[in-house]
Amino acid sequence: MAKTSMSQRKTMGRVMHEYAHGELKSGRRGQQRSGGGKVKSRRQAIAIALEEAGASKYESKERNRRNLARSKAKEAIGRTAQQEAEGKAHIGARGKRESSRAMGGKNAKTTTRRSPRRRSARRASR
């Protein structure tokens, strides 16, 4: 199997996290809140993770690309089981930061905000 990209590994990690916490479901009925099948087999969870990440060797390249794009779109809008259970808007942070300032991350960038007075003084000088 080909080497997986960073985004594929993140998606696989998210799916396996859902499996470990009992949030991973399969099938059309699994997408609904009531009913549906909770995944109990580790093998099945790995198969779902590979498919969602677009790293399955049983799918075509186009299908894999489409699956990864669908997963990334789902993560971006916060529609994954992990995000809904933990109340997060999106997984991770952009760039090199792994956690946002609000989440108490050590390597989060600090932002300096200008006060409203300075802004109004600048406008007046122009």
C-alpha atoms as a PDB file:
ATOM      1  CA  MET A   1       0.000   0.000   0.000  1.00  0.00           C
ATOM      2  CA  ALA A   2       1.216   3.532  -0.769  1.00  0.00           C
ATOM      3  CA  LYS A   3       2.416   5.860   1.960  1.00  0.00           C
ATOM      4  CA  THR A   4      -0.428   7.840   3.486  1.00  0.00           C
ATOM      5  CA  SER A   5      -0.428  11.635   3.613  1.00  0.00           C
ATOM      6  CA  MET A   6      -0.692  13.667   6.814  1.00  0.00           C
ATOM      7  CA  SER A   7      -4.346  14.525   6.170  1.00  0.00           C
ATOM      8  CA  GLN A   8      -5.125  10.843   5.606  1.00  0.00           C
ATOM      9  CA  ARG A   9      -3.426   9.885   8.877  1.00  0.00           C
ATOM     10  CA  LYS A  10      -5.390  12.563  10.760  1.00  0.00           C
ATOM     11  CA  THR A  11      -8.666  11.285   9.336  1.00  0.00           C
ATOM     12  CA  MET A  12      -7.755   7.690  10.199  1.00  0.00           C
ATOM     13  CA  GLY A  13      -6.864   8.810  13.720  1.00  0.00           C
ATOM     14  CA  ARG A  14     -10.199  10.569  14.118  1.00  0.00           C
ATOM     15  CA  VAL A  15     -12.153   7.503  12.966  1.00  0.00           C
ATOM     16  CA  MET A  16     -10.215   5.205  15.306  1.00  0.00           C
ATOM     17  CA  HIS A  17     -10.826   7.699  18.140  1.00  0.00           C
ATOM     18  CA  GLU A  18     -14.551   7.468  17.419  1.00  0.00           C
ATOM     19  CA  TYR A  19     -14.288   3.663  17.481  1.00  0.00           C
ATOM     20  CA  ALA A  20     -12.420   3.688  20.801  1.00  0.00           C
ATOM     21  CA  HIS A  21     -15.102   5.887  22.371  1.00  0.00           C
ATOM     22  CA  GLY A  22     -18.003   3.902  20.925  1.00  0.00           C
ATOM     23  CA  GLU A  23     -19.119   6.699  18.594  1.00  0.00           C
ATOM     24  CA  LEU A  24     -18.339   5.000  15.259  1.00  0.00           C
ATOM     25  CA  LYS A  25     -21.385   3.703  13.414  1.00  0.00           C
ATOM     26  CA  SER A  26     -21.771   1.988  10.079  1.00  0.00           C
ATOM     27  CA  GLY A  27     -24.472   1.801   7.456  1.00  0.00           C
ATOM     28  CA  ARG A  28     -27.128   4.252   6.394  1.00  0.00           C
ATOM     29  CA  ARG A  29     -29.069   3.842   9.624  1.00  0.00           C
ATOM     30  CA  GLY A  30     -25.870   4.386  11.564  1.00  0.00           C
ATOM     31  CA  GLN A  31     -25.785   8.008  10.477  1.00  0.00           C
ATOM     32  CA  GLN A  32     -29.029   8.695  12.317  1.00  0.00           C
ATOM     33  CA  ARG A  33     -29.034   9.272  16.048  1.00  0.00           C
ATOM     34  CA  SER A  34     -31.571   6.567  16.838  1.00  0.00           C
ATOM     35  CA  GLY A  35     -30.991   3.020  15.731  1.00  0.00           C
ATOM     36  CA  GLY A  36     -28.170   2.004  13.450  1.00  0.00           C
ATOM     37  CA  GLY A  37     -25.189  -0.181  14.027  1.00  0.00           C
ATOM     38  CA  LYS A  38     -22.399   0.677  16.388  1.00  0.00           C
ATOM     39  CA  VAL A  39     -19.078  -0.708  15.149  1.00  0.00           C
ATOM     40  CA  LYS A  40     -17.710  -3.299  17.578  1.00  0.00           C
ATOM     41  CA  SER A  41     -15.095  -4.976  15.409  1.00  0.00           C
ATOM     42  CA  ARG A  42     -11.626  -3.398  15.254  1.00  0.00           C
ATOM     43  CA  ARG A  43     -11.148  -4.794  11.748  1.00  0.00           C
ATOM     44  CA  GLN A  44     -14.303  -3.114  10.541  1.00  0.00           C
ATOM     45  CA  ALA A  45     -13.233   0.169  12.182  1.00  0.00           C
ATOM     46  CA  ILE A  46      -9.887   0.006  10.353  1.00  0.00           C
ATOM     47  CA  ALA A  47     -11.679  -0.654   7.049  1.00  0.00           C
ATOM     48  CA  ILE A  48     -13.944   2.361   7.621  1.00  0.00           C
ATOM     49  CA  ALA A  49     -10.941   4.517   8.589  1.00  0.00           C
ATOM     50  CA  LEU A  50      -9.051   3.573   5.421  1.00  0.00           C
ATOM     51  CA  GLU A  51     -12.100   4.237   3.268  1.00  0.00           C
ATOM     52  CA  GLU A  52     -12.853   7.634   4.862  1.00  0.00           C
ATOM     53  CA  ALA A  53      -9.196   8.643   4.575  1.00  0.00           C
ATOM     54  CA  GLY A  54      -9.075   7.670   0.912  1.00  0.00           C
ATOM     55  CA  ALA A  55      -6.327   5.125   1.530  1.00  0.00           C
ATOM     56  CA  SER A  56      -8.184   1.941   0.646  1.00  0.00           C
ATOM     57  CA  LYS A  57      -6.432  -0.392  -1.778  1.00  0.00           C
ATOM     58  CA  TYR A  58      -9.796  -1.766  -2.911  1.00  0.00           C
ATOM     59  CA  GLU A  59     -11.058   1.588  -4.223  1.00  0.00           C
ATOM     60  CA  SER A  60     -10.016   3.483  -7.346  1.00  0.00           C
ATOM     61  CA  LYS A  61      -7.894   6.643  -7.100  1.00  0.00           C
ATOM     62  CA  GLU A  62     -10.839   8.851  -8.038  1.00  0.00           C
ATOM     63  CA  ARG A  63     -13.054   7.212  -5.434  1.00  0.00           C
ATOM     64  CA  ASN A  64     -10.330   7.547  -2.773  1.00  0.00           C
ATOM     65  CA  ARG A  65      -9.874  11.236  -3.589  1.00  0.00           C
ATOM     66  CA  ARG A  66     -13.630  11.781  -3.369  1.00  0.00           C
ATOM     67  CA  ASN A  67     -13.839   9.955  -0.015  1.00  0.00           C
ATOM     68  CA  LEU A  68     -11.034  12.052   1.498  1.00  0.00           C
ATOM     69  CA  ALA A  69     -12.596  15.281   0.227  1.00  0.00           C
ATOM     70  CA  ARG A  70     -15.941  14.274   1.727  1.00  0.00           C
ATOM     71  CA  SER A  71     -14.313  13.490   5.087  1.00  0.00           C
ATOM     72  CA  LYS A  72     -12.394  16.786   5.139  1.00  0.00           C
ATOM     73  CA  ALA A  73     -15.574  18.716   4.340  1.00  0.00           C
ATOM     74  CA  LYS A  74     -17.364  16.887   7.162  1.00  0.00           C
ATOM     75  CA  GLU A  75     -14.532  17.739   9.580  1.00  0.00           C
ATOM     76  CA  ALA A  76     -14.464  21.388   8.487  1.00  0.00           C
ATOM     77  CA  ILE A  77     -18.124  21.970   9.358  1.00  0.00           C
ATOM     78  CA  GLY A  78     -18.007  19.923  12.576  1.00  0.00           C
ATOM     79  CA  ARG A  79     -20.310  17.070  11.557  1.00  0.00           C
ATOM     80  CA  THR A  80     -18.205  14.140  12.796  1.00  0.00           C
ATOM     81  CA  ALA A  81     -19.273  12.062  15.788  1.00  0.00           C
ATOM     82  CA  GLN A  82     -16.155  13.095  17.697  1.00  0.00           C
ATOM     83  CA  GLN A  83     -16.827  16.806  17.202  1.00  0.00           C
ATOM     84  CA  GLU A  84     -20.486  16.484  18.130  1.00  0.00           C
ATOM     85  CA  ALA A  85     -19.656  14.505  21.276  1.00  0.00           C
ATOM     86  CA  GLU A  86     -16.864  16.843  22.386  1.00  0.00           C
ATOM     87  CA  GLY A  87     -18.502  20.077  21.231  1.00  0.00           C
ATOM     88  CA  LYS A  88     -15.702  21.217  18.925  1.00  0.00           C
ATOM     89  CA  ALA A  89     -16.146  23.251  15.780  1.00  0.00           C
ATOM     90  CA  HIS A  90     -13.167  21.688  13.974  1.00  0.00           C
ATOM     91  CA  ILE A  91     -10.381  19.249  14.713  1.00  0.00           C
ATOM     92  CA  GLY A  92      -6.894  20.634  15.189  1.00  0.00           C
ATOM     93  CA  ALA A  93      -5.818  24.078  14.141  1.00  0.00           C
ATOM     94  CA  ARG A  94      -4.502  25.589  10.960  1.00  0.00           C
ATOM     95  CA  GLY A  95      -0.788  25.791  10.248  1.00  0.00           C
ATOM     96  CA  LYS A  96       1.727  24.514  12.749  1.00  0.00           C
ATOM     97  CA  ARG A  97      -0.426  25.078  15.827  1.00  0.00           C
ATOM     98  CA  GLU A  98      -1.933  21.885  17.165  1.00  0.00           C
ATOM     99  CA  SER A  99      -4.274  23.557  19.617  1.00  0.00           C
ATOM    100  CA  SER A 100      -5.820  27.000  19.760  1.00  0.00           C
ATOM    101  CA  ARG A 101      -5.157  29.635  22.414  1.00  0.00           C
ATOM    102  CA  ALA A 102      -8.647  29.137  23.832  1.00  0.00           C
ATOM    103  CA  MET A 103      -7.933  25.433  24.320  1.00  0.00           C
ATOM    104  CA  GLY A 104      -4.828  26.273  26.355  1.00  0.00           C
ATOM    105  CA  GLY A 105      -2.300  25.066  23.806  1.00  0.00           C
ATOM    106  CA  LYS A 106       1.378  25.610  24.614  1.00  0.00           C
ATOM    107  CA  ASN A 107       2.396  26.399  21.064  1.00  0.00           C
ATOM    108  CA  ALA A 108      -0.552  28.612  20.190  1.00  0.00           C
ATOM    109  CA  LYS A 109       0.221  31.973  18.632  1.00  0.00           C
ATOM    110  CA  THR A 110      -0.593  35.047  20.659  1.00  0.00           C
ATOM    111  CA  THR A 111      -2.538  37.770  18.939  1.00  0.00           C
ATOM    112  CA  THR A 112      -2.370  41.413  19.935  1.00  0.00           C
ATOM    113  CA  ARG A 113      -5.530  43.400  19.501  1.00  0.00           C
ATOM    114  CA  ARG A 114      -5.595  47.130  18.956  1.00  0.00           C
ATOM    115  CA  SER A 115      -7.730  49.206  21.233  1.00  0.00           C
ATOM    116  CA  PRO A 116     -10.676  51.108  19.736  1.00  0.00           C
ATOM    117  CA  ARG A 117      -9.088  54.452  20.732  1.00  0.00           C
ATOM    118  CA  ARG A 118      -6.016  53.907  18.563  1.00  0.00           C
ATOM    119  CA  ARG A 119      -8.132  52.931  15.605  1.00  0.00           C
ATOM    120  CA  SER A 120     -10.298  56.064  15.859  1.00  0.00           C
ATOM    121  CA  ALA A 121      -7.192  58.240  16.327  1.00  0.00           C
ATOM    122  CA  ARG A 122      -5.691  56.812  13.129  1.00  0.00           C
ATOM    123  CA  ARG A 123      -8.865  57.537  11.177  1.00  0.00           C
ATOM    124  CA  ALA A 124      -8.924  61.122  12.412  1.00  0.00           C
ATOM    125  CA  SER A 125      -5.291  61.721  11.382  1.00  0.00           C
ATOM    126  CA  ARG A 126      -5.997  60.602   7.788  1.00  0.00           C
END
